[in-house]
Amino acid sequence: MALYGTHPPLSLAEDPSDPVWHWFICNGPHGERFTWEKPSYAESDLHYLENFIDERAETIEKFYERARTVALKSLEIDNHVMIRTAIQVLCVIGQDEDLQLVLEFVNHEDKSVRNDAKACLFERGIKFKKEK
């Protein structure tokens, strides 16, 4: 178990040997225990994720593009941690059209996925209709 919770099996990766897939599945700062709130004593998980992605982009070629591709593919995997991680990553590096895909998860059956989708859209300034 990592700091950000248990991670899905690496076998869900399209290419388990790819360092971007490995990071996405096995390392944080994202995943099951990711929170959107900013504690008074530290930076938010979103801030840590932004910094982490920026640091990796300096050392891994085309990291932003590759991480975005992995996140988009992960939205299609039937695993709530993979979907949540994808939403968290897309909040940082997703393009406007990617966030339209995130919008589809605001009514997801899993409450944690719903909450991540709503928080992501809020962080990116995208309004959505709340289901009653």
C-alpha atoms as a PDB file:
ATOM      1  CA  MET A   1       0.000   0.000   0.000  1.00  0.00           C
ATOM      2  CA  ALA A   2       1.280   3.436  -0.920  1.00  0.00           C
ATOM      3  CA  LEU A   3       0.765   6.718   0.901  1.00  0.00           C
ATOM      4  CA  TYR A   4      -2.216   7.424  -1.341  1.00  0.00           C
ATOM      5  CA  GLY A   5      -3.906   4.070  -0.722  1.00  0.00           C
ATOM      6  CA  THR A   6      -3.838   0.681  -2.311  1.00  0.00           C
ATOM      7  CA  HIS A   7      -3.170   0.734  -5.999  1.00  0.00           C
ATOM      8  CA  PRO A   8      -4.831  -1.311  -8.721  1.00  0.00           C
ATOM      9  CA  PRO A   9      -2.911  -4.199 -10.279  1.00  0.00           C
ATOM     10  CA  LEU A  10      -0.227  -3.158 -12.725  1.00  0.00           C
ATOM     11  CA  SER A  11      -1.764  -5.643 -15.140  1.00  0.00           C
ATOM     12  CA  LEU A  12      -4.392  -2.990 -15.910  1.00  0.00           C
ATOM     13  CA  ALA A  13      -1.693  -0.955 -17.652  1.00  0.00           C
ATOM     14  CA  GLU A  14      -1.616  -1.025 -21.406  1.00  0.00           C
ATOM     15  CA  ASP A  15       2.174  -1.278 -21.091  1.00  0.00           C
ATOM     16  CA  PRO A  16       3.327  -2.174 -17.550  1.00  0.00           C
ATOM     17  CA  SER A  17       6.954  -1.465 -18.511  1.00  0.00           C
ATOM     18  CA  ASP A  18       6.163   2.152 -19.441  1.00  0.00           C
ATOM     19  CA  PRO A  19       7.309   4.435 -16.591  1.00  0.00           C
ATOM     20  CA  VAL A  20       4.278   6.685 -17.075  1.00  0.00           C
ATOM     21  CA  TRP A  21       1.833   3.794 -16.691  1.00  0.00           C
ATOM     22  CA  HIS A  22       3.837   2.578 -13.697  1.00  0.00           C
ATOM     23  CA  TRP A  23       3.698   6.021 -12.076  1.00  0.00           C
ATOM     24  CA  PHE A  24      -0.002   6.345 -12.813  1.00  0.00           C
ATOM     25  CA  ILE A  25      -0.901   3.035 -11.185  1.00  0.00           C
ATOM     26  CA  CYS A  26       1.710   2.582  -8.458  1.00  0.00           C
ATOM     27  CA  ASN A  27       2.754   6.026  -7.230  1.00  0.00           C
ATOM     28  CA  GLY A  28       1.128   9.198  -5.990  1.00  0.00           C
ATOM     29  CA  PRO A  29       0.394  11.834  -5.262  1.00  0.00           C
ATOM     30  CA  HIS A  30      -2.987  10.666  -6.523  1.00  0.00           C
ATOM     31  CA  GLY A  31      -5.331   7.765  -6.098  1.00  0.00           C
ATOM     32  CA  GLU A  32      -7.612   6.326  -3.463  1.00  0.00           C
ATOM     33  CA  ARG A  33      -6.660   8.628  -0.560  1.00  0.00           C
ATOM     34  CA  PHE A  34      -6.309  11.825  -2.612  1.00  0.00           C
ATOM     35  CA  THR A  35      -8.252  14.716  -1.103  1.00  0.00           C
ATOM     36  CA  TRP A  36      -9.334  17.977  -2.688  1.00  0.00           C
ATOM     37  CA  GLU A  37      -9.407  19.956   0.546  1.00  0.00           C
ATOM     38  CA  LYS A  38      -6.445  22.068   1.558  1.00  0.00           C
ATOM     39  CA  PRO A  39      -5.478  21.419   5.169  1.00  0.00           C
ATOM     40  CA  SER A  40      -4.424  24.453   7.171  1.00  0.00           C
ATOM     41  CA  TYR A  41      -1.012  22.938   7.917  1.00  0.00           C
ATOM     42  CA  ALA A  42       0.123  21.890   4.413  1.00  0.00           C
ATOM     43  CA  GLU A  43      -0.382  22.271   0.692  1.00  0.00           C
ATOM     44  CA  SER A  44      -3.291  20.497  -0.964  1.00  0.00           C
ATOM     45  CA  ASP A  45      -2.919  17.143  -2.669  1.00  0.00           C
ATOM     46  CA  LEU A  46      -3.765  18.927  -5.923  1.00  0.00           C
ATOM     47  CA  HIS A  47      -0.803  21.259  -5.411  1.00  0.00           C
ATOM     48  CA  TYR A  48       1.487  18.283  -4.738  1.00  0.00           C
ATOM     49  CA  LEU A  49       0.170  16.563  -7.857  1.00  0.00           C
ATOM     50  CA  GLU A  50       0.779  19.671  -9.983  1.00  0.00           C
ATOM     51  CA  ASN A  51       4.351  19.938  -8.684  1.00  0.00           C
ATOM     52  CA  PHE A  52       4.984  16.224  -9.137  1.00  0.00           C
ATOM     53  CA  ILE A  53       3.784  16.294 -12.741  1.00  0.00           C
ATOM     54  CA  ASP A  54       5.896  19.371 -13.489  1.00  0.00           C
ATOM     55  CA  GLU A  55       8.982  17.681 -12.006  1.00  0.00           C
ATOM     56  CA  ARG A  56       8.417  14.496 -14.030  1.00  0.00           C
ATOM     57  CA  ALA A  57       7.933  16.555 -17.188  1.00  0.00           C
ATOM     58  CA  GLU A  58      11.488  17.825 -16.762  1.00  0.00           C
ATOM     59  CA  THR A  59      12.955  14.312 -16.728  1.00  0.00           C
ATOM     60  CA  ILE A  60      10.589  12.112 -18.771  1.00  0.00           C
ATOM     61  CA  GLU A  61      10.200  12.953 -22.442  1.00  0.00           C
ATOM     62  CA  LYS A  62       6.694  14.084 -23.413  1.00  0.00           C
ATOM     63  CA  PHE A  63       5.441  13.365 -19.893  1.00  0.00           C
ATOM     64  CA  TYR A  64       2.422  15.695 -20.092  1.00  0.00           C
ATOM     65  CA  GLU A  65       1.175  14.127 -23.311  1.00  0.00           C
ATOM     66  CA  ARG A  66       1.864  10.588 -22.182  1.00  0.00           C
ATOM     67  CA  ALA A  67       0.239  11.102 -18.766  1.00  0.00           C
ATOM     68  CA  ARG A  68      -2.814  12.660 -20.421  1.00  0.00           C
ATOM     69  CA  THR A  69      -3.099   9.678 -22.780  1.00  0.00           C
ATOM     70  CA  VAL A  70      -2.818   7.222 -19.877  1.00  0.00           C
ATOM     71  CA  ALA A  71      -5.459   9.148 -17.923  1.00  0.00           C
ATOM     72  CA  LEU A  72      -7.872   9.198 -20.857  1.00  0.00           C
ATOM     73  CA  LYS A  73      -7.445   5.449 -21.402  1.00  0.00           C
ATOM     74  CA  SER A  74      -7.946   4.863 -17.671  1.00  0.00           C
ATOM     75  CA  LEU A  75     -11.362   6.503 -17.757  1.00  0.00           C
ATOM     76  CA  GLU A  76     -12.473   3.456 -19.741  1.00  0.00           C
ATOM     77  CA  ILE A  77     -11.195   0.878 -17.234  1.00  0.00           C
ATOM     78  CA  ASP A  78     -13.764  -0.608 -14.869  1.00  0.00           C
ATOM     79  CA  ASN A  79     -11.855   0.214 -11.691  1.00  0.00           C
ATOM     80  CA  HIS A  80     -12.885   3.104  -9.460  1.00  0.00           C
ATOM     81  CA  VAL A  81      -9.303   3.878  -8.333  1.00  0.00           C
ATOM     82  CA  MET A  82      -8.127   4.062 -11.955  1.00  0.00           C
ATOM     83  CA  ILE A  83     -11.014   6.373 -12.832  1.00  0.00           C
ATOM     84  CA  ARG A  84     -10.407   8.564  -9.781  1.00  0.00           C
ATOM     85  CA  THR A  85      -6.696   8.787 -10.571  1.00  0.00           C
ATOM     86  CA  ALA A  86      -7.514   9.702 -14.165  1.00  0.00           C
ATOM     87  CA  ILE A  87      -9.840  12.482 -13.029  1.00  0.00           C
ATOM     88  CA  GLN A  88      -7.224  13.823 -10.609  1.00  0.00           C
ATOM     89  CA  VAL A  89      -4.516  13.842 -13.278  1.00  0.00           C
ATOM     90  CA  LEU A  90      -6.822  15.384 -15.883  1.00  0.00           C
ATOM     91  CA  CYS A  91      -7.641  18.158 -13.451  1.00  0.00           C
ATOM     92  CA  VAL A  92      -3.986  19.177 -13.711  1.00  0.00           C
ATOM     93  CA  ILE A  93      -3.135  18.451 -17.353  1.00  0.00           C
ATOM     94  CA  GLY A  94      -6.437  17.799 -19.099  1.00  0.00           C
ATOM     95  CA  GLN A  95      -7.615  19.864 -22.019  1.00  0.00           C
ATOM     96  CA  ASP A  96     -11.104  21.334 -22.223  1.00  0.00           C
ATOM     97  CA  GLU A  97     -12.415  18.400 -24.272  1.00  0.00           C
ATOM     98  CA  ASP A  98     -11.049  15.983 -21.648  1.00  0.00           C
ATOM     99  CA  LEU A  99     -13.106  17.677 -18.990  1.00  0.00           C
ATOM    100  CA  GLN A 100     -16.222  16.957 -21.003  1.00  0.00           C
ATOM    101  CA  LEU A 101     -15.397  13.291 -20.417  1.00  0.00           C
ATOM    102  CA  VAL A 102     -14.959  13.976 -16.698  1.00  0.00           C
ATOM    103  CA  LEU A 103     -18.420  15.547 -16.719  1.00  0.00           C
ATOM    104  CA  GLU A 104     -19.850  12.124 -17.540  1.00  0.00           C
ATOM    105  CA  PHE A 105     -18.726  10.880 -14.111  1.00  0.00           C
ATOM    106  CA  VAL A 106     -20.673  13.354 -11.937  1.00  0.00           C
ATOM    107  CA  ASN A 107     -23.467  10.782 -11.692  1.00  0.00           C
ATOM    108  CA  HIS A 108     -21.248   7.699 -11.402  1.00  0.00           C
ATOM    109  CA  GLU A 109     -22.474   4.880  -9.154  1.00  0.00           C
ATOM    110  CA  ASP A 110     -19.368   5.162  -6.957  1.00  0.00           C
ATOM    111  CA  LYS A 111     -19.602   8.146  -4.617  1.00  0.00           C
ATOM    112  CA  SER A 112     -15.830   8.726  -4.538  1.00  0.00           C
ATOM    113  CA  VAL A 113     -15.747   8.910  -8.350  1.00  0.00           C
ATOM    114  CA  ARG A 114     -18.701  11.322  -8.347  1.00  0.00           C
ATOM    115  CA  ASN A 115     -16.997  13.513  -5.770  1.00  0.00           C
ATOM    116  CA  ASP A 116     -13.707  13.571  -7.666  1.00  0.00           C
ATOM    117  CA  ALA A 117     -15.462  14.479 -10.910  1.00  0.00           C
ATOM    118  CA  LYS A 118     -17.335  17.339  -9.236  1.00  0.00           C
ATOM    119  CA  ALA A 119     -14.228  18.622  -7.459  1.00  0.00           C
ATOM    120  CA  CYS A 120     -12.177  18.467 -10.662  1.00  0.00           C
ATOM    121  CA  LEU A 121     -14.779  20.441 -12.586  1.00  0.00           C
ATOM    122  CA  PHE A 122     -15.041  22.971  -9.770  1.00  0.00           C
ATOM    123  CA  GLU A 123     -11.254  23.415  -9.705  1.00  0.00           C
ATOM    124  CA  ARG A 124     -11.252  23.991 -13.455  1.00  0.00           C
ATOM    125  CA  GLY A 125     -14.183  26.444 -13.280  1.00  0.00           C
ATOM    126  CA  ILE A 126     -16.657  24.263 -15.152  1.00  0.00           C
ATOM    127  CA  LYS A 127     -20.275  24.414 -14.055  1.00  0.00           C
ATOM    128  CA  PHE A 128     -22.569  21.441 -14.378  1.00  0.00           C
ATOM    129  CA  LYS A 129     -26.188  20.679 -13.634  1.00  0.00           C
ATOM    130  CA  LYS A 130     -26.689  18.906 -10.356  1.00  0.00           C
ATOM    131  CA  GLU A 131     -28.976  15.903 -10.530  1.00  0.00           C
ATOM    132  CA  LYS A 132     -31.855  16.072  -8.054  1.00  0.00           C
END
